[in-house]
Amino acid sequence: MARWHEVAESAPEFAAQVRDAFEAHKHKTLATLRKDGTPRVSGIEAYFIGDDLWFGSMPGALKARDLQRDPRFALHGPPVILSADDPATAPGDAKVTGRAVEVADRETIAAMLTARGLAPDSFSESHFFTADIGEVVLTRIEGPAMVMDLWRPDQGLRTLRRA
């Protein structure tokens, strides 16, 4: 597992492309696991702040309870096509999987909120998590091919093409 800064240091151009794809729109989709092991899909916001990819939830939200019980997650950035005539203009379809690490230290949370331009005492009852990253994937169209860039901590960056 790795923190976001390790992805950025290992593959800076790739990390910038993933970040652009995630930041193309505010809302993302988070998949967690319910008590019975079935998936739960929720809307969420996620932000790259400092060395980490952060996300959170309202107090007592089911997605937070899921992550507290079983930290495995999949986070999907919004698939964005800037032009229907040219899907290659999209930044790509970004996904991150790993384990959520709940952050309870109020000073750390206050610093993150300040970095986002929010009052440090905002969201005092909310849950906040950073991503312990197992895999990052960026999928895009290049000409007639679908191209998938795949980053894993133990393998670095690989590119797969399907025509």
N, C-alpha and C. Protein backbone atom coordinates (compact mmCIF):
# COMPACT_ATOMS: atom_id res chain seq x y z
N MET A 1 0.84 -1.18 0.00
CA MET A 1 0.00 0.00 0.00
C MET A 1 0.89 1.25 0.00
N ALA A 2 0.34 2.34 -0.49
CA ALA A 2 1.12 3.58 -0.63
C ALA A 2 0.23 4.78 -0.35
N ARG A 3 0.85 5.86 0.00
CA ARG A 3 0.14 7.14 0.11
C ARG A 3 0.22 7.83 -1.25
N TRP A 4 -0.62 8.86 -1.43
CA TRP A 4 -0.68 9.54 -2.72
C TRP A 4 0.68 10.09 -3.14
N HIS A 5 1.44 10.64 -2.20
CA HIS A 5 2.72 11.24 -2.58
C HIS A 5 3.66 10.22 -3.19
N GLU A 6 3.52 8.94 -2.84
CA GLU A 6 4.36 7.91 -3.42
C GLU A 6 3.99 7.66 -4.88
N VAL A 7 2.71 7.75 -5.19
CA VAL A 7 2.27 7.65 -6.58
C VAL A 7 2.87 8.82 -7.37
N ALA A 8 2.72 10.03 -6.81
CA ALA A 8 3.20 11.25 -7.48
C ALA A 8 4.71 11.24 -7.67
N GLU A 9 5.46 10.72 -6.72
CA GLU A 9 6.92 10.66 -6.83
C GLU A 9 7.35 9.58 -7.83
N SER A 10 6.65 8.47 -7.84
CA SER A 10 7.00 7.33 -8.71
C SER A 10 6.65 7.59 -10.17
N ALA A 11 5.50 8.23 -10.40
CA ALA A 11 5.02 8.45 -11.77
C ALA A 11 4.34 9.82 -11.85
N PRO A 12 5.13 10.91 -11.85
CA PRO A 12 4.56 12.25 -11.74
C PRO A 12 3.58 12.64 -12.86
N GLU A 13 3.88 12.30 -14.10
CA GLU A 13 2.97 12.66 -15.19
C GLU A 13 1.65 11.91 -15.06
N PHE A 14 1.74 10.63 -14.77
CA PHE A 14 0.55 9.80 -14.54
C PHE A 14 -0.27 10.36 -13.38
N ALA A 15 0.38 10.66 -12.26
CA ALA A 15 -0.32 11.19 -11.09
C ALA A 15 -1.03 12.50 -11.42
N ALA A 16 -0.40 13.35 -12.22
CA ALA A 16 -1.02 14.61 -12.62
C ALA A 16 -2.26 14.35 -13.48
N GLN A 17 -2.18 13.37 -14.37
CA GLN A 17 -3.33 13.03 -15.21
C GLN A 17 -4.49 12.48 -14.37
N VAL A 18 -4.17 11.63 -13.40
CA VAL A 18 -5.20 11.08 -12.51
C VAL A 18 -5.84 12.20 -11.70
N ARG A 19 -5.01 13.07 -11.19
CA ARG A 19 -5.53 14.19 -10.40
C ARG A 19 -6.43 15.08 -11.26
N ASP A 20 -6.03 15.37 -12.49
CA ASP A 20 -6.86 16.17 -13.39
C ASP A 20 -8.21 15.49 -13.62
N ALA A 21 -8.19 14.18 -13.83
CA ALA A 21 -9.43 13.44 -14.05
C ALA A 21 -10.33 13.50 -12.82
N PHE A 22 -9.75 13.33 -11.64
CA PHE A 22 -10.54 13.39 -10.40
C PHE A 22 -11.09 14.79 -10.16
N GLU A 23 -10.31 15.79 -10.49
CA GLU A 23 -10.72 17.16 -10.21
C GLU A 23 -11.59 17.78 -11.31
N ALA A 24 -11.90 17.01 -12.36
CA ALA A 24 -12.74 17.51 -13.44
C ALA A 24 -14.15 17.84 -12.94
N HIS A 25 -14.60 17.14 -11.91
CA HIS A 25 -15.90 17.39 -11.29
C HIS A 25 -15.79 17.14 -9.79
N LYS A 26 -16.66 17.77 -9.04
CA LYS A 26 -16.61 17.69 -7.57
C LYS A 26 -16.97 16.30 -7.03
N HIS A 27 -17.95 15.66 -7.64
CA HIS A 27 -18.48 14.43 -7.06
C HIS A 27 -17.86 13.18 -7.67
N LYS A 28 -17.59 12.23 -6.78
CA LYS A 28 -17.02 10.94 -7.16
C LYS A 28 -17.97 9.84 -6.67
N THR A 29 -17.62 8.60 -6.96
CA THR A 29 -18.39 7.45 -6.49
C THR A 29 -17.47 6.57 -5.65
N LEU A 30 -17.96 6.21 -4.46
CA LEU A 30 -17.21 5.37 -3.54
C LEU A 30 -17.93 4.04 -3.37
N ALA A 31 -17.20 2.94 -3.51
CA ALA A 31 -17.74 1.62 -3.23
C ALA A 31 -17.13 1.12 -1.93
N THR A 32 -17.99 0.69 -1.02
CA THR A 32 -17.57 0.09 0.25
C THR A 32 -18.25 -1.27 0.36
N LEU A 33 -17.96 -1.97 1.46
CA LEU A 33 -18.56 -3.28 1.68
C LEU A 33 -19.47 -3.23 2.91
N ARG A 34 -20.70 -3.70 2.73
CA ARG A 34 -21.66 -3.79 3.84
C ARG A 34 -21.26 -4.94 4.77
N LYS A 35 -21.96 -5.05 5.90
CA LYS A 35 -21.70 -6.14 6.85
C LYS A 35 -21.76 -7.51 6.19
N ASP A 36 -22.71 -7.69 5.28
CA ASP A 36 -22.88 -9.00 4.64
C ASP A 36 -21.94 -9.21 3.45
N GLY A 37 -21.07 -8.23 3.17
CA GLY A 37 -20.10 -8.36 2.10
C GLY A 37 -20.56 -7.85 0.75
N THR A 38 -21.82 -7.45 0.64
CA THR A 38 -22.30 -6.91 -0.62
C THR A 38 -21.82 -5.48 -0.78
N PRO A 39 -21.68 -5.01 -2.01
CA PRO A 39 -21.17 -3.65 -2.22
C PRO A 39 -22.21 -2.58 -1.92
N ARG A 40 -21.73 -1.44 -1.47
CA ARG A 40 -22.54 -0.24 -1.31
C ARG A 40 -21.85 0.85 -2.13
N VAL A 41 -22.61 1.55 -2.96
CA VAL A 41 -22.08 2.62 -3.78
C VAL A 41 -22.67 3.93 -3.28
N SER A 42 -21.80 4.91 -3.03
CA SER A 42 -22.22 6.19 -2.48
C SER A 42 -21.54 7.33 -3.22
N GLY A 43 -22.22 8.44 -3.28
CA GLY A 43 -21.59 9.66 -3.78
C GLY A 43 -20.67 10.21 -2.70
N ILE A 44 -19.59 10.88 -3.14
CA ILE A 44 -18.62 11.41 -2.17
C ILE A 44 -17.77 12.48 -2.85
N GLU A 45 -17.17 13.31 -2.04
CA GLU A 45 -16.15 14.24 -2.51
C GLU A 45 -14.80 13.71 -2.05
N ALA A 46 -13.78 13.91 -2.85
CA ALA A 46 -12.43 13.48 -2.49
C ALA A 46 -11.46 14.57 -2.94
N TYR A 47 -10.39 14.76 -2.16
CA TYR A 47 -9.45 15.85 -2.42
C TYR A 47 -8.02 15.38 -2.22
N PHE A 48 -7.13 15.86 -3.09
CA PHE A 48 -5.69 15.65 -2.92
C PHE A 48 -5.18 16.81 -2.08
N ILE A 49 -4.73 16.50 -0.88
CA ILE A 49 -4.24 17.54 0.03
C ILE A 49 -2.93 17.05 0.63
N GLY A 50 -1.88 17.83 0.42
CA GLY A 50 -0.57 17.43 0.93
C GLY A 50 -0.15 16.10 0.33
N ASP A 51 0.22 15.17 1.18
CA ASP A 51 0.71 13.87 0.74
C ASP A 51 -0.39 12.85 0.49
N ASP A 52 -1.65 13.22 0.74
CA ASP A 52 -2.71 12.22 0.77
C ASP A 52 -3.90 12.53 -0.10
N LEU A 53 -4.65 11.49 -0.40
CA LEU A 53 -5.97 11.57 -0.99
C LEU A 53 -6.95 11.44 0.17
N TRP A 54 -7.78 12.47 0.37
CA TRP A 54 -8.71 12.54 1.50
C TRP A 54 -10.14 12.39 1.03
N PHE A 55 -10.97 11.77 1.86
CA PHE A 55 -12.42 11.79 1.67
C PHE A 55 -13.06 11.67 3.04
N GLY A 56 -14.34 12.01 3.10
CA GLY A 56 -15.02 12.01 4.39
C GLY A 56 -16.49 11.73 4.25
N SER A 57 -17.18 11.78 5.36
CA SER A 57 -18.62 11.57 5.34
C SER A 57 -19.27 12.25 6.54
N MET A 58 -20.57 12.38 6.44
CA MET A 58 -21.33 12.94 7.54
C MET A 58 -21.27 11.99 8.74
N PRO A 59 -21.52 12.53 9.93
CA PRO A 59 -21.48 11.68 11.13
C PRO A 59 -22.42 10.49 11.02
N GLY A 60 -21.90 9.32 11.33
CA GLY A 60 -22.72 8.11 11.36
C GLY A 60 -23.18 7.59 10.02
N ALA A 61 -22.69 8.13 8.91
CA ALA A 61 -23.12 7.67 7.59
C ALA A 61 -22.76 6.20 7.40
N LEU A 62 -23.58 5.50 6.63
CA LEU A 62 -23.34 4.08 6.41
C LEU A 62 -22.00 3.82 5.75
N LYS A 63 -21.59 4.68 4.82
CA LYS A 63 -20.30 4.46 4.17
C LYS A 63 -19.15 4.57 5.18
N ALA A 64 -19.27 5.47 6.15
CA ALA A 64 -18.25 5.58 7.20
C ALA A 64 -18.24 4.34 8.07
N ARG A 65 -19.42 3.85 8.43
CA ARG A 65 -19.50 2.61 9.24
C ARG A 65 -18.91 1.44 8.47
N ASP A 66 -19.21 1.38 7.16
CA ASP A 66 -18.63 0.31 6.34
C ASP A 66 -17.11 0.36 6.41
N LEU A 67 -16.53 1.55 6.23
CA LEU A 67 -15.07 1.69 6.21
C LEU A 67 -14.45 1.43 7.58
N GLN A 68 -15.17 1.76 8.65
CA GLN A 68 -14.65 1.48 9.98
C GLN A 68 -14.61 -0.03 10.24
N ARG A 69 -15.56 -0.74 9.68
CA ARG A 69 -15.64 -2.19 9.86
C ARG A 69 -14.69 -2.93 8.91
N ASP A 70 -14.67 -2.49 7.66
CA ASP A 70 -13.84 -3.11 6.63
C ASP A 70 -13.31 -1.98 5.75
N PRO A 71 -12.03 -1.64 5.85
CA PRO A 71 -11.52 -0.43 5.20
C PRO A 71 -11.34 -0.51 3.69
N ARG A 72 -11.63 -1.64 3.07
CA ARG A 72 -11.44 -1.75 1.62
C ARG A 72 -12.43 -0.84 0.89
N PHE A 73 -11.92 -0.16 -0.15
CA PHE A 73 -12.76 0.75 -0.92
C PHE A 73 -12.31 0.79 -2.38
N ALA A 74 -13.20 1.29 -3.21
CA ALA A 74 -12.87 1.65 -4.59
C ALA A 74 -13.47 3.04 -4.80
N LEU A 75 -12.67 3.95 -5.31
CA LEU A 75 -13.09 5.32 -5.55
C LEU A 75 -12.98 5.58 -7.04
N HIS A 76 -14.09 6.03 -7.63
CA HIS A 76 -14.15 6.25 -9.07
C HIS A 76 -14.39 7.72 -9.33
N GLY A 77 -13.45 8.34 -10.06
CA GLY A 77 -13.64 9.72 -10.46
C GLY A 77 -14.69 9.79 -11.55
N PRO A 78 -15.23 10.94 -11.80
CA PRO A 78 -16.29 11.05 -12.80
C PRO A 78 -15.74 10.79 -14.20
N PRO A 79 -16.39 9.90 -14.96
CA PRO A 79 -15.96 9.74 -16.35
C PRO A 79 -16.40 10.99 -17.12
N VAL A 80 -15.45 11.67 -17.72
CA VAL A 80 -15.73 12.95 -18.34
C VAL A 80 -15.37 12.88 -19.82
N ILE A 81 -16.33 13.20 -20.66
CA ILE A 81 -16.06 13.36 -22.09
C ILE A 81 -16.32 14.82 -22.41
N LEU A 82 -15.30 15.50 -22.86
CA LEU A 82 -15.42 16.92 -23.14
C LEU A 82 -16.11 17.17 -24.47
N SER A 83 -16.03 16.21 -25.38
CA SER A 83 -16.66 16.36 -26.69
C SER A 83 -17.15 14.99 -27.15
N ALA A 84 -18.43 14.90 -27.49
CA ALA A 84 -18.96 13.63 -27.96
C ALA A 84 -18.30 13.21 -29.27
N ASP A 85 -17.83 14.18 -30.03
CA ASP A 85 -17.18 13.88 -31.31
C ASP A 85 -15.74 13.40 -31.13
N ASP A 86 -15.15 13.72 -29.99
CA ASP A 86 -13.75 13.38 -29.77
C ASP A 86 -13.53 12.96 -28.33
N PRO A 87 -13.82 11.68 -27.99
CA PRO A 87 -13.64 11.23 -26.61
C PRO A 87 -12.20 11.31 -26.14
N ALA A 88 -11.24 11.44 -27.05
CA ALA A 88 -9.84 11.54 -26.66
C ALA A 88 -9.54 12.86 -25.96
N THR A 89 -10.48 13.83 -25.99
CA THR A 89 -10.25 15.09 -25.29
C THR A 89 -10.52 14.97 -23.79
N ALA A 90 -11.06 13.85 -23.34
CA ALA A 90 -11.35 13.66 -21.92
C ALA A 90 -10.05 13.42 -21.15
N PRO A 91 -10.01 13.84 -19.87
CA PRO A 91 -8.80 13.60 -19.07
C PRO A 91 -8.62 12.13 -18.72
N GLY A 92 -9.65 11.33 -18.86
CA GLY A 92 -9.56 9.91 -18.54
C GLY A 92 -10.51 9.53 -17.43
N ASP A 93 -10.65 8.26 -17.27
CA ASP A 93 -11.53 7.67 -16.27
C ASP A 93 -10.63 7.13 -15.17
N ALA A 94 -10.65 7.76 -13.99
CA ALA A 94 -9.69 7.43 -12.94
C ALA A 94 -10.34 6.62 -11.82
N LYS A 95 -9.59 5.63 -11.34
CA LYS A 95 -10.04 4.80 -10.23
C LYS A 95 -8.88 4.57 -9.27
N VAL A 96 -9.21 4.57 -7.98
CA VAL A 96 -8.23 4.27 -6.93
C VAL A 96 -8.85 3.21 -6.03
N THR A 97 -8.09 2.18 -5.71
CA THR A 97 -8.55 1.19 -4.74
C THR A 97 -7.53 1.08 -3.63
N GLY A 98 -7.99 0.62 -2.49
CA GLY A 98 -7.10 0.47 -1.35
C GLY A 98 -7.85 0.29 -0.07
N ARG A 99 -7.26 0.85 0.98
CA ARG A 99 -7.85 0.77 2.32
C ARG A 99 -7.95 2.18 2.88
N ALA A 100 -9.09 2.48 3.48
CA ALA A 100 -9.31 3.78 4.10
C ALA A 100 -8.71 3.77 5.50
N VAL A 101 -8.01 4.85 5.82
CA VAL A 101 -7.43 5.02 7.15
C VAL A 101 -8.15 6.19 7.80
N GLU A 102 -8.91 5.90 8.86
CA GLU A 102 -9.65 6.98 9.51
C GLU A 102 -8.69 7.89 10.27
N VAL A 103 -8.89 9.18 10.11
CA VAL A 103 -8.08 10.18 10.79
C VAL A 103 -8.94 10.78 11.90
N ALA A 104 -8.48 10.65 13.13
CA ALA A 104 -9.24 11.16 14.27
C ALA A 104 -8.56 12.37 14.91
N ASP A 105 -7.29 12.57 14.61
CA ASP A 105 -6.55 13.68 15.23
C ASP A 105 -7.11 15.01 14.73
N ARG A 106 -7.67 15.80 15.65
CA ARG A 106 -8.33 17.06 15.28
C ARG A 106 -7.36 18.07 14.69
N GLU A 107 -6.11 18.08 15.11
CA GLU A 107 -5.13 19.01 14.54
C GLU A 107 -4.84 18.67 13.07
N THR A 108 -4.72 17.39 12.78
CA THR A 108 -4.50 16.95 11.40
C THR A 108 -5.71 17.30 10.53
N ILE A 109 -6.89 17.06 11.07
CA ILE A 109 -8.12 17.38 10.34
C ILE A 109 -8.22 18.89 10.14
N ALA A 110 -7.91 19.66 11.16
CA ALA A 110 -7.96 21.13 11.04
C ALA A 110 -7.00 21.62 9.96
N ALA A 111 -5.81 21.04 9.89
CA ALA A 111 -4.83 21.44 8.87
C ALA A 111 -5.36 21.10 7.48
N MET A 112 -6.00 19.93 7.33
CA MET A 112 -6.57 19.54 6.04
C MET A 112 -7.69 20.51 5.65
N LEU A 113 -8.57 20.82 6.59
CA LEU A 113 -9.67 21.74 6.30
C LEU A 113 -9.16 23.14 5.95
N THR A 114 -8.15 23.60 6.66
CA THR A 114 -7.54 24.90 6.36
C THR A 114 -6.96 24.90 4.95
N ALA A 115 -6.30 23.81 4.58
CA ALA A 115 -5.73 23.70 3.23
C ALA A 115 -6.82 23.76 2.16
N ARG A 116 -8.02 23.31 2.50
CA ARG A 116 -9.16 23.37 1.57
C ARG A 116 -9.86 24.72 1.62
N GLY A 117 -9.39 25.61 2.50
CA GLY A 117 -10.01 26.92 2.61
C GLY A 117 -11.23 26.93 3.50
N LEU A 118 -11.35 25.94 4.36
CA LEU A 118 -12.50 25.84 5.27
C LEU A 118 -12.06 26.16 6.70
N ALA A 119 -13.00 26.54 7.51
CA ALA A 119 -12.70 26.83 8.91
C ALA A 119 -12.21 25.56 9.60
N PRO A 120 -11.15 25.67 10.40
CA PRO A 120 -10.57 24.49 11.03
C PRO A 120 -11.53 23.74 11.95
N ASP A 121 -12.56 24.42 12.43
CA ASP A 121 -13.51 23.75 13.32
C ASP A 121 -14.76 23.26 12.57
N SER A 122 -14.71 23.34 11.23
CA SER A 122 -15.83 22.84 10.42
C SER A 122 -15.95 21.33 10.54
N PHE A 123 -17.15 20.85 10.38
CA PHE A 123 -17.39 19.41 10.29
C PHE A 123 -16.86 18.65 11.51
N SER A 124 -17.07 19.20 12.69
CA SER A 124 -16.46 18.63 13.91
C SER A 124 -16.89 17.20 14.20
N GLU A 125 -18.04 16.79 13.72
CA GLU A 125 -18.52 15.43 13.99
C GLU A 125 -18.33 14.49 12.80
N SER A 126 -17.84 15.01 11.70
CA SER A 126 -17.71 14.21 10.48
C SER A 126 -16.57 13.19 10.59
N HIS A 127 -16.62 12.22 9.71
CA HIS A 127 -15.56 11.21 9.60
C HIS A 127 -14.64 11.61 8.46
N PHE A 128 -13.33 11.46 8.65
CA PHE A 128 -12.36 11.76 7.61
C PHE A 128 -11.42 10.58 7.44
N PHE A 129 -11.07 10.31 6.19
CA PHE A 129 -10.21 9.18 5.86
C PHE A 129 -9.15 9.62 4.86
N THR A 130 -7.99 8.98 4.94
CA THR A 130 -7.00 9.08 3.88
C THR A 130 -6.93 7.72 3.19
N ALA A 131 -6.40 7.72 1.98
CA ALA A 131 -6.34 6.50 1.19
C ALA A 131 -4.97 5.83 1.33
N ASP A 132 -5.00 4.58 1.73
CA ASP A 132 -3.83 3.72 1.67
C ASP A 132 -4.00 2.98 0.35
N ILE A 133 -3.22 3.37 -0.66
CA ILE A 133 -3.50 3.02 -2.05
C ILE A 133 -2.86 1.69 -2.45
N GLY A 134 -3.70 0.83 -3.04
CA GLY A 134 -3.23 -0.44 -3.57
C GLY A 134 -3.11 -0.43 -5.07
N GLU A 135 -3.92 0.44 -5.73
CA GLU A 135 -3.91 0.48 -7.19
C GLU A 135 -4.53 1.79 -7.67
N VAL A 136 -3.97 2.33 -8.75
CA VAL A 136 -4.52 3.50 -9.42
C VAL A 136 -4.60 3.16 -10.90
N VAL A 137 -5.76 3.43 -11.52
CA VAL A 137 -5.97 3.13 -12.93
C VAL A 137 -6.51 4.36 -13.63
N LEU A 138 -5.96 4.66 -14.78
CA LEU A 138 -6.46 5.73 -15.63
C LEU A 138 -6.75 5.12 -16.99
N THR A 139 -8.01 5.18 -17.42
CA THR A 139 -8.42 4.62 -18.70
C THR A 139 -8.81 5.75 -19.62
N ARG A 140 -8.34 5.68 -20.86
CA ARG A 140 -8.65 6.73 -21.83
C ARG A 140 -8.67 6.12 -23.23
N ILE A 141 -9.13 6.92 -24.17
CA ILE A 141 -9.18 6.51 -25.57
C ILE A 141 -8.08 7.24 -26.33
N GLU A 142 -7.30 6.48 -27.08
CA GLU A 142 -6.28 7.04 -27.98
C GLU A 142 -6.51 6.43 -29.35
N GLY A 143 -7.07 7.23 -30.25
CA GLY A 143 -7.39 6.71 -31.58
C GLY A 143 -8.37 5.57 -31.45
N PRO A 144 -8.07 4.42 -32.07
CA PRO A 144 -9.00 3.29 -31.98
C PRO A 144 -8.78 2.42 -30.74
N ALA A 145 -7.83 2.78 -29.90
CA ALA A 145 -7.47 1.92 -28.77
C ALA A 145 -7.94 2.48 -27.42
N MET A 146 -8.28 1.55 -26.54
CA MET A 146 -8.50 1.89 -25.15
C MET A 146 -7.16 1.67 -24.44
N VAL A 147 -6.71 2.68 -23.72
CA VAL A 147 -5.42 2.62 -23.05
C VAL A 147 -5.64 2.70 -21.54
N MET A 148 -5.05 1.75 -20.82
CA MET A 148 -5.16 1.72 -19.37
C MET A 148 -3.77 1.84 -18.76
N ASP A 149 -3.55 2.90 -18.02
CA ASP A 149 -2.33 3.03 -17.24
C ASP A 149 -2.65 2.51 -15.85
N LEU A 150 -1.83 1.62 -15.35
CA LEU A 150 -2.06 0.94 -14.07
C LEU A 150 -0.84 1.12 -13.20
N TRP A 151 -1.04 1.65 -11.98
CA TRP A 151 0.05 1.83 -11.03
C TRP A 151 -0.24 1.03 -9.78
N ARG A 152 0.75 0.26 -9.36
CA ARG A 152 0.69 -0.47 -8.09
C ARG A 152 2.00 -0.24 -7.36
N PRO A 153 1.97 -0.19 -6.03
CA PRO A 153 3.20 0.10 -5.27
C PRO A 153 4.34 -0.86 -5.57
N ASP A 154 4.03 -2.12 -5.78
CA ASP A 154 5.09 -3.10 -5.99
C ASP A 154 5.49 -3.28 -7.45
N GLN A 155 4.76 -2.63 -8.37
CA GLN A 155 5.04 -2.81 -9.79
C GLN A 155 5.30 -1.51 -10.53
N GLY A 156 4.99 -0.39 -9.93
CA GLY A 156 5.13 0.87 -10.62
C GLY A 156 4.05 1.02 -11.68
N LEU A 157 4.37 1.77 -12.73
CA LEU A 157 3.41 2.10 -13.77
C LEU A 157 3.56 1.15 -14.96
N ARG A 158 2.43 0.61 -15.42
CA ARG A 158 2.37 -0.22 -16.61
C ARG A 158 1.28 0.33 -17.52
N THR A 159 1.42 0.15 -18.82
CA THR A 159 0.41 0.58 -19.77
C THR A 159 -0.08 -0.62 -20.55
N LEU A 160 -1.41 -0.75 -20.64
CA LEU A 160 -2.05 -1.82 -21.39
C LEU A 160 -2.90 -1.18 -22.48
N ARG A 161 -2.86 -1.75 -23.69
CA ARG A 161 -3.65 -1.23 -24.81
C ARG A 161 -4.55 -2.32 -25.36
N ARG A 162 -5.78 -1.91 -25.66
CA ARG A 162 -6.72 -2.81 -26.32
C ARG A 162 -7.30 -2.11 -27.52
N ALA A 163 -7.13 -2.71 -28.67
CA ALA A 163 -7.64 -2.10 -29.91
C ALA A 163 -9.03 -2.61 -30.21
